[in-house]
N, C-alpha and C. Protein backbone atom coordinates (compact mmCIF):
# COMPACT_ATOMS: atom_id res chain seq x y z
N MET A 1 16.09 33.63 -26.83
CA MET A 1 16.03 31.77 -27.07
C MET A 1 16.95 31.04 -26.47
N PHE A 2 16.75 30.37 -26.20
CA PHE A 2 16.79 29.26 -24.98
C PHE A 2 18.08 28.47 -25.79
N ILE A 3 18.99 28.20 -25.70
CA ILE A 3 19.36 27.24 -26.56
C ILE A 3 20.34 25.85 -25.46
N LEU A 4 19.53 24.83 -26.07
CA LEU A 4 19.40 23.45 -25.28
C LEU A 4 20.71 22.26 -25.69
N GLY A 5 21.37 22.14 -25.40
CA GLY A 5 22.10 21.47 -26.25
C GLY A 5 21.89 19.83 -25.57
N ILE A 6 21.96 18.95 -26.47
CA ILE A 6 21.42 17.55 -25.87
C ILE A 6 22.75 16.64 -26.31
N THR A 7 23.84 15.50 -25.46
CA THR A 7 24.23 14.16 -25.84
C THR A 7 24.21 13.51 -24.92
N GLY A 8 24.86 12.59 -25.09
CA GLY A 8 25.08 11.09 -24.33
C GLY A 8 25.18 10.13 -25.17
N GLY A 9 25.75 8.95 -24.62
CA GLY A 9 26.38 7.70 -25.02
C GLY A 9 25.10 6.95 -26.09
N VAL A 10 25.64 5.97 -26.86
CA VAL A 10 24.90 5.15 -27.69
C VAL A 10 23.85 4.27 -26.48
N GLY A 11 22.12 4.52 -27.20
CA GLY A 11 21.35 3.95 -26.26
C GLY A 11 20.97 4.71 -25.16
N ALA A 12 21.32 5.55 -24.83
CA ALA A 12 21.05 6.45 -23.43
C ALA A 12 19.20 6.69 -23.35
N GLY A 13 19.04 6.55 -25.22
CA GLY A 13 17.48 7.73 -25.42
C GLY A 13 17.77 8.90 -25.57
N LYS A 14 18.30 9.26 -26.27
CA LYS A 14 18.06 10.94 -26.72
C LYS A 14 16.95 10.97 -27.44
N SER A 15 16.72 9.96 -28.37
CA SER A 15 15.75 10.44 -29.37
C SER A 15 13.93 10.50 -28.25
N GLU A 16 14.06 10.14 -27.49
CA GLU A 16 12.96 9.62 -26.29
C GLU A 16 12.93 10.95 -25.95
N ILE A 17 14.00 11.90 -25.26
CA ILE A 17 14.12 13.25 -24.81
C ILE A 17 13.63 14.17 -25.45
N LEU A 18 13.95 14.05 -26.92
CA LEU A 18 13.99 15.08 -28.21
C LEU A 18 12.47 15.35 -28.19
N MET A 19 11.54 13.93 -28.71
CA MET A 19 9.82 14.15 -28.87
C MET A 19 9.44 14.69 -27.37
N ILE A 20 9.95 14.25 -25.90
CA ILE A 20 8.85 14.99 -25.02
C ILE A 20 8.99 16.43 -25.20
N LEU A 21 10.45 16.86 -25.38
CA LEU A 21 10.97 18.30 -25.65
C LEU A 21 9.87 19.23 -26.90
N GLU A 22 10.23 18.18 -27.94
CA GLU A 22 9.51 18.92 -28.58
C GLU A 22 7.58 18.97 -28.40
N ARG A 23 7.51 17.66 -27.83
CA ARG A 23 5.40 17.37 -27.92
C ARG A 23 5.09 18.44 -26.52
N GLU A 24 6.13 18.74 -25.87
CA GLU A 24 5.18 18.93 -24.24
C GLU A 24 6.15 20.52 -24.03
N TYR A 25 6.72 21.02 -25.02
CA TYR A 25 7.30 22.25 -24.76
C TYR A 25 7.69 23.19 -26.61
N GLY A 26 7.24 22.32 -27.10
CA GLY A 26 7.32 23.34 -28.37
C GLY A 26 8.81 23.79 -29.18
N ALA A 27 9.63 22.61 -28.67
CA ALA A 27 10.84 23.13 -29.24
C ALA A 27 11.07 22.89 -30.61
N ARG A 28 12.00 23.83 -31.03
CA ARG A 28 12.15 23.25 -32.28
C ARG A 28 13.65 22.86 -32.25
N LEU A 29 13.47 21.18 -33.08
CA LEU A 29 14.60 20.18 -32.73
C LEU A 29 15.54 20.60 -34.27
N MET A 30 17.21 20.37 -33.51
CA MET A 30 17.79 20.36 -34.91
C MET A 30 19.04 19.48 -34.80
N LEU A 31 19.21 18.25 -35.30
CA LEU A 31 19.46 16.91 -34.86
C LEU A 31 20.84 17.15 -36.30
N ALA A 32 22.62 17.29 -35.47
CA ALA A 32 23.24 17.28 -36.04
C ALA A 32 23.69 15.98 -37.12
N ASP A 33 22.95 15.49 -37.08
CA ASP A 33 23.36 13.88 -37.56
C ASP A 33 22.88 14.01 -38.78
N GLU A 34 21.33 14.53 -38.79
CA GLU A 34 20.32 14.88 -39.96
C GLU A 34 20.64 16.10 -40.90
N ALA A 35 21.72 16.77 -40.34
CA ALA A 35 21.93 17.94 -41.37
C ALA A 35 22.96 17.37 -42.03
N ALA A 36 24.17 16.66 -41.35
CA ALA A 36 25.03 16.03 -42.34
C ALA A 36 24.56 15.44 -43.31
N HIS A 37 23.23 14.34 -43.34
CA HIS A 37 22.82 13.85 -43.62
C HIS A 37 22.71 14.58 -45.68
N GLN A 38 21.69 15.86 -44.81
CA GLN A 38 21.30 16.65 -46.28
C GLN A 38 22.44 17.20 -46.91
N LEU A 39 23.71 17.57 -46.34
CA LEU A 39 24.44 18.22 -46.40
C LEU A 39 25.80 17.94 -47.64
N THR A 40 25.43 15.89 -47.41
CA THR A 40 26.47 15.05 -47.76
C THR A 40 25.60 14.32 -49.23
N ASP A 41 24.49 14.83 -49.57
CA ASP A 41 24.36 14.58 -50.55
C ASP A 41 25.15 14.88 -52.21
N ARG A 42 25.32 13.83 -53.19
CA ARG A 42 26.16 14.86 -54.07
C ARG A 42 25.48 15.78 -54.85
N GLU A 43 24.44 16.53 -54.03
CA GLU A 43 23.43 17.76 -54.91
C GLU A 43 24.52 18.78 -53.64
N GLY A 44 24.28 18.27 -52.52
CA GLY A 44 24.71 19.27 -51.35
C GLY A 44 26.34 20.04 -50.91
N PRO A 45 26.24 20.42 -50.45
CA PRO A 45 27.63 21.51 -50.60
C PRO A 45 28.73 20.81 -49.90
N CYS A 46 28.31 19.98 -49.51
CA CYS A 46 29.67 18.63 -49.78
C CYS A 46 30.12 17.57 -50.53
N GLY A 47 28.94 17.58 -51.09
CA GLY A 47 28.97 16.52 -52.36
C GLY A 47 30.05 16.64 -53.30
N ALA A 48 30.43 17.71 -54.11
CA ALA A 48 31.72 17.83 -54.68
C ALA A 48 33.26 17.29 -54.04
N ALA A 49 33.04 18.01 -53.01
CA ALA A 49 34.24 17.54 -52.23
C ALA A 49 34.50 16.35 -52.15
N LEU A 50 33.21 15.52 -51.10
CA LEU A 50 33.86 14.37 -50.88
C LEU A 50 34.02 13.51 -52.11
N ALA A 51 32.98 13.30 -53.50
CA ALA A 51 33.66 12.65 -54.43
C ALA A 51 34.68 12.74 -54.88
N ALA A 52 35.26 14.18 -55.05
CA ALA A 52 36.79 14.65 -55.22
C ALA A 52 38.11 13.66 -54.50
N LEU A 53 37.22 13.66 -53.11
CA LEU A 53 38.52 13.21 -52.03
C LEU A 53 38.31 11.60 -52.11
N LEU A 54 36.89 10.84 -52.07
CA LEU A 54 36.93 9.69 -52.17
C LEU A 54 36.15 8.61 -53.16
N GLY A 55 35.76 9.49 -54.38
CA GLY A 55 34.88 8.65 -55.44
C GLY A 55 33.68 8.89 -55.09
N GLU A 56 34.05 8.83 -56.69
CA GLU A 56 32.16 8.93 -57.14
C GLU A 56 31.28 7.60 -56.92
N GLU A 57 32.09 6.89 -56.36
CA GLU A 57 31.59 5.46 -56.19
C GLU A 57 30.63 5.40 -54.77
N ILE A 58 30.99 6.38 -53.73
CA ILE A 58 30.57 6.50 -52.51
C ILE A 58 28.86 7.10 -52.41
N TYR A 59 28.74 7.39 -53.72
CA TYR A 59 27.48 7.87 -54.08
C TYR A 59 26.43 7.11 -54.95
N GLY A 60 25.35 6.41 -54.40
CA GLY A 60 24.21 5.75 -54.95
C GLY A 60 23.47 6.38 -55.95
N ALA A 61 22.91 5.75 -56.69
CA ALA A 61 21.97 6.35 -58.17
C ALA A 61 21.13 7.58 -57.53
N ASP A 62 20.74 7.22 -56.46
CA ASP A 62 19.66 8.00 -55.79
C ASP A 62 20.48 9.81 -55.61
N GLY A 63 21.82 9.39 -55.45
CA GLY A 63 22.31 10.87 -55.19
C GLY A 63 22.66 10.56 -53.70
N ARG A 64 22.46 9.66 -53.06
CA ARG A 64 22.72 10.31 -51.82
C ARG A 64 23.68 9.22 -51.03
N LEU A 65 24.63 9.71 -49.86
CA LEU A 65 26.09 9.34 -49.67
C LEU A 65 25.58 8.02 -48.94
N ASP A 66 26.32 6.65 -49.93
CA ASP A 66 26.46 5.46 -49.25
C ASP A 66 27.64 5.51 -48.09
N ARG A 67 26.70 5.77 -46.89
CA ARG A 67 27.57 5.62 -45.85
C ARG A 67 28.61 4.74 -45.57
N LYS A 68 28.47 3.38 -45.77
CA LYS A 68 28.83 1.95 -45.68
C LYS A 68 30.35 2.62 -46.36
N ALA A 69 29.66 2.57 -48.09
CA ALA A 69 31.06 2.49 -48.76
C ALA A 69 31.79 3.89 -48.54
N ALA A 70 31.49 4.91 -47.69
CA ALA A 70 32.70 5.93 -47.55
C ALA A 70 33.47 5.51 -46.38
N ALA A 71 32.41 5.33 -45.45
CA ALA A 71 33.43 4.22 -44.09
C ALA A 71 34.80 3.21 -44.27
N GLU A 72 34.13 2.21 -45.24
CA GLU A 72 35.20 1.80 -46.03
C GLU A 72 36.30 2.18 -46.53
N LYS A 73 36.23 3.32 -47.03
CA LYS A 73 36.97 4.26 -47.90
C LYS A 73 38.19 4.29 -46.80
N ILE A 74 37.62 5.22 -45.61
CA ILE A 74 37.99 6.13 -44.76
C ILE A 74 38.87 5.08 -43.61
N PHE A 75 38.56 3.45 -43.43
CA PHE A 75 38.80 2.99 -42.20
C PHE A 75 40.52 2.75 -42.53
N GLY A 76 40.96 3.22 -41.10
CA GLY A 76 42.34 2.85 -40.90
C GLY A 76 43.10 3.70 -41.92
N ARG A 77 42.26 5.01 -42.30
CA ARG A 77 43.34 6.08 -42.86
C ARG A 77 43.03 7.20 -42.10
N GLU A 78 44.14 7.64 -41.73
CA GLU A 78 43.44 9.01 -40.32
C GLU A 78 43.43 10.17 -41.28
N GLU A 79 44.56 10.49 -42.10
CA GLU A 79 44.16 11.39 -42.75
C GLU A 79 43.38 11.89 -43.68
N LEU A 80 42.88 11.06 -43.98
CA LEU A 80 41.41 10.52 -45.20
C LEU A 80 40.54 11.09 -44.01
N ARG A 81 40.24 10.24 -42.63
CA ARG A 81 39.03 10.65 -42.09
C ARG A 81 39.38 12.16 -41.58
N GLN A 82 40.19 12.80 -41.29
CA GLN A 82 40.72 14.28 -40.82
C GLN A 82 39.96 15.22 -42.33
N ALA A 83 40.53 14.52 -43.26
CA ALA A 83 40.30 15.31 -44.33
C ALA A 83 38.55 15.33 -44.44
N VAL A 84 37.86 14.50 -44.45
CA VAL A 84 36.43 14.15 -44.69
C VAL A 84 35.59 15.26 -43.53
N ASN A 85 36.03 15.22 -42.73
CA ASN A 85 35.66 15.85 -41.25
C ASN A 85 36.02 16.86 -41.64
N ALA A 86 36.98 17.77 -41.97
CA ALA A 86 37.18 19.01 -42.47
C ALA A 86 36.39 19.66 -43.41
N ILE A 87 35.84 18.63 -44.57
CA ILE A 87 34.73 19.09 -45.35
C ILE A 87 33.49 19.49 -44.64
N VAL A 88 33.29 18.21 -43.87
CA VAL A 88 31.78 17.70 -42.92
C VAL A 88 31.66 19.11 -41.85
N HIS A 89 32.36 18.79 -41.20
CA HIS A 89 31.92 19.48 -39.78
C HIS A 89 31.67 20.73 -40.24
N PRO A 90 32.21 21.85 -40.52
CA PRO A 90 31.87 22.90 -40.93
C PRO A 90 31.06 23.50 -41.44
N ALA A 91 30.77 22.43 -42.55
CA ALA A 91 29.53 23.05 -43.41
C ALA A 91 28.46 22.69 -42.20
N VAL A 92 28.12 21.54 -41.27
CA VAL A 92 27.22 21.23 -40.55
C VAL A 92 27.33 22.64 -39.40
N ARG A 93 28.34 22.96 -38.73
CA ARG A 93 28.17 23.97 -37.92
C ARG A 93 27.70 25.47 -38.79
N ARG A 94 28.03 25.52 -39.88
CA ARG A 94 27.29 26.83 -40.55
C ARG A 94 25.75 26.73 -40.55
N TYR A 95 25.29 25.62 -41.02
CA TYR A 95 24.65 25.12 -41.03
C TYR A 95 23.39 25.30 -40.09
N ILE A 96 23.59 24.86 -38.76
CA ILE A 96 22.98 25.06 -37.67
C ILE A 96 23.43 26.40 -37.03
N LEU A 97 24.49 27.21 -37.44
CA LEU A 97 24.38 28.62 -36.89
C LEU A 97 23.53 29.58 -37.53
N ASP A 98 23.01 29.38 -39.01
CA ASP A 98 22.55 29.89 -39.98
C ASP A 98 20.95 29.83 -39.42
N ASP A 99 20.47 28.00 -38.82
CA ASP A 99 19.07 27.85 -38.25
C ASP A 99 19.22 29.01 -37.24
N ILE A 100 19.78 28.64 -36.26
CA ILE A 100 19.93 29.24 -35.06
C ILE A 100 19.43 30.92 -35.41
N ALA A 101 19.96 31.49 -36.30
CA ALA A 101 20.42 32.70 -36.03
C ALA A 101 18.37 32.97 -37.08
N GLN A 102 17.95 32.45 -37.63
CA GLN A 102 16.47 32.51 -38.40
C GLN A 102 15.85 32.19 -37.37
N CYS A 103 15.92 30.96 -36.39
CA CYS A 103 15.00 30.88 -34.93
C CYS A 103 14.75 32.21 -34.13
N ARG A 104 15.96 32.70 -34.23
CA ARG A 104 16.04 34.08 -33.54
C ARG A 104 14.69 35.13 -33.76
N LEU A 105 15.64 34.80 -35.19
CA LEU A 105 14.49 36.01 -36.22
C LEU A 105 12.74 35.64 -35.87
N ASN A 106 12.78 34.63 -35.80
CA ASN A 106 10.77 33.99 -35.91
C ASN A 106 10.15 33.74 -34.45
N GLY A 107 11.44 34.23 -33.15
CA GLY A 107 10.67 34.07 -32.19
C GLY A 107 10.77 32.77 -31.51
N THR A 108 11.46 31.99 -31.73
CA THR A 108 11.52 30.74 -31.08
C THR A 108 12.45 30.75 -29.60
N ALA A 109 11.72 29.85 -28.85
CA ALA A 109 11.66 30.57 -27.49
C ALA A 109 12.19 29.28 -26.89
N LEU A 110 12.45 27.92 -27.47
CA LEU A 110 13.23 26.61 -27.14
C LEU A 110 14.00 26.02 -28.55
N TYR A 111 14.88 25.72 -28.52
CA TYR A 111 15.94 25.75 -29.16
C TYR A 111 16.72 23.99 -29.05
N VAL A 112 16.48 22.87 -29.39
CA VAL A 112 17.51 21.58 -28.85
C VAL A 112 18.18 21.33 -30.06
N LEU A 113 19.71 21.28 -29.75
CA LEU A 113 20.56 20.84 -30.73
C LEU A 113 21.20 19.43 -29.72
N GLU A 114 20.49 18.48 -30.75
CA GLU A 114 21.63 16.96 -30.49
C GLU A 114 22.60 16.98 -31.48
N ALA A 115 23.33 16.47 -30.66
CA ALA A 115 24.56 15.82 -31.37
C ALA A 115 25.68 15.00 -31.05
N ALA A 116 25.73 13.86 -31.36
CA ALA A 116 26.84 13.13 -30.32
C ALA A 116 27.92 12.96 -30.21
N LEU A 117 28.63 13.95 -31.01
CA LEU A 117 29.82 14.91 -30.92
C LEU A 117 29.62 16.57 -30.19
N LEU A 118 28.73 16.41 -29.62
CA LEU A 118 28.47 17.88 -29.09
C LEU A 118 29.76 18.20 -28.80
N LEU A 119 30.12 17.81 -27.56
CA LEU A 119 31.05 18.40 -26.62
C LEU A 119 32.72 18.33 -27.64
N GLU A 120 32.84 17.29 -28.57
CA GLU A 120 33.80 17.59 -28.84
C GLU A 120 33.88 18.44 -30.55
N GLU A 121 32.57 18.48 -30.71
CA GLU A 121 32.98 19.96 -31.60
C GLU A 121 32.66 20.93 -31.24
N ASN A 122 32.77 21.48 -29.42
CA ASN A 122 32.59 22.57 -29.36
C ASN A 122 31.14 23.32 -29.74
N TYR A 123 30.22 22.23 -29.21
CA TYR A 123 29.11 22.84 -29.60
C TYR A 123 28.17 23.81 -28.39
N ASP A 124 28.73 23.35 -27.21
CA ASP A 124 28.60 23.48 -25.67
C ASP A 124 28.81 25.43 -26.02
N GLU A 125 29.88 25.65 -26.60
CA GLU A 125 30.11 27.09 -26.53
C GLU A 125 28.84 28.40 -27.09
N ILE A 126 27.73 27.13 -27.90
CA ILE A 126 27.14 27.98 -28.25
C ILE A 126 25.45 27.54 -27.25
N CYS A 127 25.60 27.14 -26.32
CA CYS A 127 24.40 26.50 -25.96
C CYS A 127 24.59 27.24 -24.92
N ASP A 128 23.27 27.69 -24.27
CA ASP A 128 23.16 28.31 -22.87
C ASP A 128 23.03 27.09 -21.56
N GLU A 129 22.86 25.77 -22.05
CA GLU A 129 22.67 24.62 -21.06
C GLU A 129 22.99 23.41 -21.66
N VAL A 130 23.65 22.34 -21.20
CA VAL A 130 23.94 21.56 -21.93
C VAL A 130 23.63 20.15 -21.20
N TRP A 131 22.57 18.91 -21.48
CA TRP A 131 22.25 18.20 -20.69
C TRP A 131 22.80 16.76 -21.55
N TYR A 132 22.89 16.00 -20.13
CA TYR A 132 23.76 14.82 -20.83
C TYR A 132 22.64 13.77 -19.99
N ILE A 133 22.20 12.75 -20.83
CA ILE A 133 21.34 12.24 -21.26
C ILE A 133 21.70 10.80 -20.51
N TYR A 134 21.84 10.36 -19.22
CA TYR A 134 22.18 9.49 -18.93
C TYR A 134 21.46 7.93 -18.73
N ALA A 135 22.22 6.67 -18.87
CA ALA A 135 21.87 5.57 -19.21
C ALA A 135 21.99 4.37 -18.40
N ASP A 136 21.67 3.84 -17.35
CA ASP A 136 22.76 2.68 -16.72
C ASP A 136 23.20 1.89 -18.00
N GLU A 137 24.27 1.22 -18.13
CA GLU A 137 25.15 0.06 -19.28
C GLU A 137 24.20 -0.77 -19.37
N GLN A 138 23.81 -1.55 -18.75
CA GLN A 138 22.81 -2.74 -19.26
C GLN A 138 21.59 -2.20 -19.59
N VAL A 139 21.15 -0.98 -19.03
CA VAL A 139 19.88 -1.03 -19.93
C VAL A 139 19.95 -0.54 -21.13
N ARG A 140 21.18 0.50 -21.41
CA ARG A 140 21.58 0.79 -23.04
C ARG A 140 21.86 -0.14 -23.62
N ARG A 141 22.58 -1.70 -23.14
CA ARG A 141 22.75 -2.67 -24.19
C ARG A 141 21.72 -3.49 -24.59
N ARG A 142 20.58 -3.18 -23.57
CA ARG A 142 19.46 -4.37 -23.27
C ARG A 142 18.70 -3.42 -25.04
N ARG A 143 18.64 -2.35 -24.50
CA ARG A 143 17.93 -1.12 -25.68
C ARG A 143 18.48 -1.50 -27.31
N LEU A 144 19.71 -1.43 -27.19
CA LEU A 144 20.54 -1.66 -27.99
C LEU A 144 20.16 -3.10 -29.20
N ALA A 145 20.15 -3.79 -27.95
CA ALA A 145 19.79 -5.37 -28.16
C ALA A 145 18.37 -5.42 -28.90
N GLU A 146 17.55 -5.03 -28.67
CA GLU A 146 16.01 -5.07 -28.99
C GLU A 146 15.66 -4.29 -29.80
N ASN A 147 15.99 -2.95 -29.64
CA ASN A 147 15.68 -1.98 -30.75
C ASN A 147 16.48 -1.73 -32.25
N ARG A 148 17.92 -2.21 -31.90
CA ARG A 148 18.64 -2.05 -33.39
C ARG A 148 19.44 -3.19 -33.61
N GLY A 149 19.22 -4.20 -32.85
CA GLY A 149 19.63 -5.78 -32.90
C GLY A 149 21.13 -5.85 -32.89
N TYR A 150 22.06 -4.98 -32.14
CA TYR A 150 23.33 -4.86 -31.78
C TYR A 150 23.69 -6.04 -31.45
N THR A 151 24.64 -6.53 -31.75
CA THR A 151 25.36 -7.83 -30.86
C THR A 151 25.94 -7.08 -29.65
N ASP A 152 26.35 -7.80 -28.60
CA ASP A 152 27.16 -7.39 -27.57
C ASP A 152 28.72 -6.50 -27.72
N GLU A 153 29.31 -7.04 -28.65
CA GLU A 153 30.55 -7.10 -29.00
C GLU A 153 30.76 -5.47 -30.05
N LYS A 154 29.33 -5.43 -30.89
CA LYS A 154 28.86 -3.67 -31.12
C LYS A 154 28.88 -2.93 -30.43
N THR A 155 27.81 -3.38 -29.35
CA THR A 155 27.79 -1.87 -28.73
C THR A 155 28.83 -2.07 -27.77
N THR A 156 29.67 -2.92 -26.96
CA THR A 156 31.19 -2.37 -26.37
C THR A 156 31.88 -1.73 -27.41
N ALA A 157 32.05 -2.01 -28.68
CA ALA A 157 32.85 -1.68 -29.76
C ALA A 157 32.92 0.43 -28.98
N ILE A 158 31.47 0.15 -29.48
CA ILE A 158 30.98 2.06 -29.43
C ILE A 158 30.95 2.68 -28.53
N MET A 159 31.31 1.97 -27.49
CA MET A 159 30.73 2.38 -25.72
C MET A 159 32.23 2.87 -25.66
N LYS A 160 33.11 2.19 -25.90
CA LYS A 160 34.39 2.41 -26.21
C LYS A 160 35.30 3.38 -26.92
N SER A 161 34.67 3.44 -28.08
CA SER A 161 34.87 5.15 -28.91
C SER A 161 34.15 6.33 -28.03
N GLN A 162 33.50 6.44 -27.44
CA GLN A 162 32.67 7.51 -27.43
C GLN A 162 33.41 8.25 -25.52
N MET A 163 33.12 9.17 -25.42
CA MET A 163 33.51 9.91 -24.17
C MET A 163 32.64 8.99 -22.69
N SER A 164 33.47 9.47 -22.11
CA SER A 164 33.41 8.15 -20.43
C SER A 164 32.00 9.19 -20.00
N ASP A 165 31.70 8.15 -19.20
CA ASP A 165 30.54 8.94 -18.05
C ASP A 165 30.96 9.90 -17.07
N ALA A 166 32.27 9.71 -16.74
CA ALA A 166 33.22 10.56 -16.09
C ALA A 166 32.98 12.55 -16.89
N GLU A 167 33.82 11.86 -18.01
CA GLU A 167 33.66 13.45 -19.17
C GLU A 167 32.89 13.94 -18.96
N PHE A 168 31.60 13.05 -19.49
CA PHE A 168 30.10 13.71 -19.92
C PHE A 168 29.42 14.48 -18.94
N ARG A 169 29.65 13.80 -17.30
CA ARG A 169 29.59 14.48 -16.38
C ARG A 169 29.95 15.84 -15.86
N ARG A 170 31.23 15.80 -16.18
CA ARG A 170 32.23 16.91 -16.28
C ARG A 170 32.10 18.29 -16.82
N ARG A 171 31.64 17.64 -17.70
CA ARG A 171 31.26 18.81 -19.19
C ARG A 171 30.31 19.29 -19.38
N CYS A 172 29.15 18.56 -18.81
CA CYS A 172 27.75 18.75 -18.87
C CYS A 172 27.00 19.75 -17.51
N THR A 173 26.14 20.30 -18.05
CA THR A 173 25.58 21.20 -17.01
C THR A 173 24.12 20.48 -15.80
N THR A 174 23.94 19.54 -16.64
CA THR A 174 22.82 18.78 -15.60
C THR A 174 22.75 17.29 -16.74
N VAL A 175 22.50 16.48 -15.75
CA VAL A 175 21.74 15.16 -16.32
C VAL A 175 20.88 14.70 -15.71
N ILE A 176 19.98 13.61 -16.91
CA ILE A 176 19.23 13.81 -16.80
C ILE A 176 19.03 11.86 -16.96
N ASP A 177 18.84 11.61 -16.03
CA ASP A 177 18.48 9.78 -15.68
C ASP A 177 17.75 8.90 -16.42
N ASN A 178 17.85 8.65 -17.51
CA ASN A 178 16.70 7.82 -18.07
C ASN A 178 16.87 6.11 -18.32
N SER A 179 17.39 6.09 -17.10
CA SER A 179 17.53 4.54 -17.07
C SER A 179 16.45 3.71 -16.42
N GLY A 180 15.21 4.63 -15.83
CA GLY A 180 14.15 4.37 -15.35
C GLY A 180 12.64 4.59 -16.26
N SER A 181 11.81 4.79 -15.56
CA SER A 181 10.21 4.71 -16.38
C SER A 181 10.44 6.00 -16.96
N LEU A 182 9.19 6.01 -18.25
CA LEU A 182 9.73 7.29 -18.90
C LEU A 182 8.77 8.56 -17.68
N GLY A 183 8.18 8.03 -16.95
CA GLY A 183 7.52 8.86 -16.34
C GLY A 183 8.34 9.52 -15.31
N GLU A 184 9.39 8.94 -14.89
CA GLU A 184 10.40 9.52 -13.83
C GLU A 184 11.32 10.31 -14.97
N THR A 185 11.11 10.35 -16.16
CA THR A 185 12.62 10.81 -17.31
C THR A 185 11.23 11.86 -17.32
N GLU A 186 10.32 11.76 -17.54
CA GLU A 186 9.58 13.50 -17.59
C GLU A 186 9.25 14.26 -16.48
N GLU A 187 9.68 13.19 -15.50
CA GLU A 187 9.74 14.60 -14.30
C GLU A 187 10.57 15.13 -13.94
N GLN A 188 11.94 14.75 -14.25
CA GLN A 188 13.71 15.62 -14.04
C GLN A 188 13.33 16.53 -15.09
N ILE A 189 12.80 16.23 -16.42
CA ILE A 189 12.61 17.62 -17.51
C ILE A 189 11.85 18.20 -17.03
N ARG A 190 10.51 17.86 -16.23
CA ARG A 190 9.36 19.13 -15.95
C ARG A 190 10.46 19.92 -14.73
N HIS A 191 10.99 19.15 -14.08
CA HIS A 191 11.96 20.40 -12.68
C HIS A 191 13.03 21.37 -13.43
N ARG A 192 13.67 20.47 -14.39
CA ARG A 192 14.62 21.48 -15.19
C ARG A 192 13.70 22.47 -16.01
N MET A 193 13.15 22.31 -16.73
CA MET A 193 12.20 23.14 -17.76
C MET A 193 11.24 24.59 -16.42
N GLU A 194 11.28 24.28 -15.69
CA GLU A 194 10.44 24.98 -14.40
C GLU A 194 11.25 25.70 -14.15
N ALA A 195 12.85 25.32 -13.94
CA ALA A 195 13.68 25.91 -13.33
C ALA A 195 14.15 27.12 -14.41
N VAL A 196 14.24 26.84 -15.22
CA VAL A 196 14.79 27.60 -17.04
C VAL A 196 13.77 28.97 -16.77
N PHE A 197 12.50 28.19 -17.15
CA PHE A 197 11.30 29.39 -17.67
C PHE A 197 10.14 29.10 -16.74
N GLY A 198 10.15 28.68 -15.43
CA GLY A 198 9.18 28.88 -14.40
C GLY A 198 7.99 27.82 -14.92
N GLU A 199 6.82 27.86 -14.36
CA GLU A 199 5.79 26.99 -14.48
C GLU A 199 5.25 27.08 -15.79
N ASN A 200 5.08 28.30 -16.46
CA ASN A 200 4.63 28.11 -17.70
C ASN A 200 5.15 27.72 -18.72
N ARG A 201 4.26 26.34 -19.02
CA ARG A 201 4.89 25.58 -20.28
C ARG A 201 4.71 26.38 -21.44
N GLU A 202 4.03 27.47 -21.85
CA GLU A 202 3.57 28.10 -23.21
C GLU A 202 5.04 28.95 -23.53
N LEU A 203 5.99 28.16 -23.71
CA LEU A 203 7.34 29.33 -24.20
C LEU A 203 7.23 29.32 -25.19
């Protein structure tokens, strides 16, 4: 099984890349953020510890974590933020590693792991290859304004909090430039997939 890591800055179009890999190459997708959502439900494996740390009010009546309420509790309190990360991050990692093990048994050929903090959390250590999804800053700003309604100020703040372009390029094995057309992006993906698997698309 080939494990491919996907990362990149906000607005780079990682979701688009994931859809192509799933549709065209039959990839098994694992999104770390979605895994975290499941694990942090009140009845999930992290629920009791988070409620004890931050209070039951961080959970809605449906048992789902109110991420805004949790963020407000943590804001400006570094020790508390680290305590939350110490609960959530190891649980997400275990969940992903268990899923990888099961997919190996099932004969999965291509496993794709997407995580905004893929490098910071050292998931590159378990990946055979890591792609940096790049897009020009102005393209990213336009996408975020059009698709998510982000203000320029909000986008700037998020970008400043993320890894720099130079660091992404230094630590990733492949750069996919998603600044242009979908066709141009698909061609880059096809070229890289052929380099890894040959011309046989039936992985």
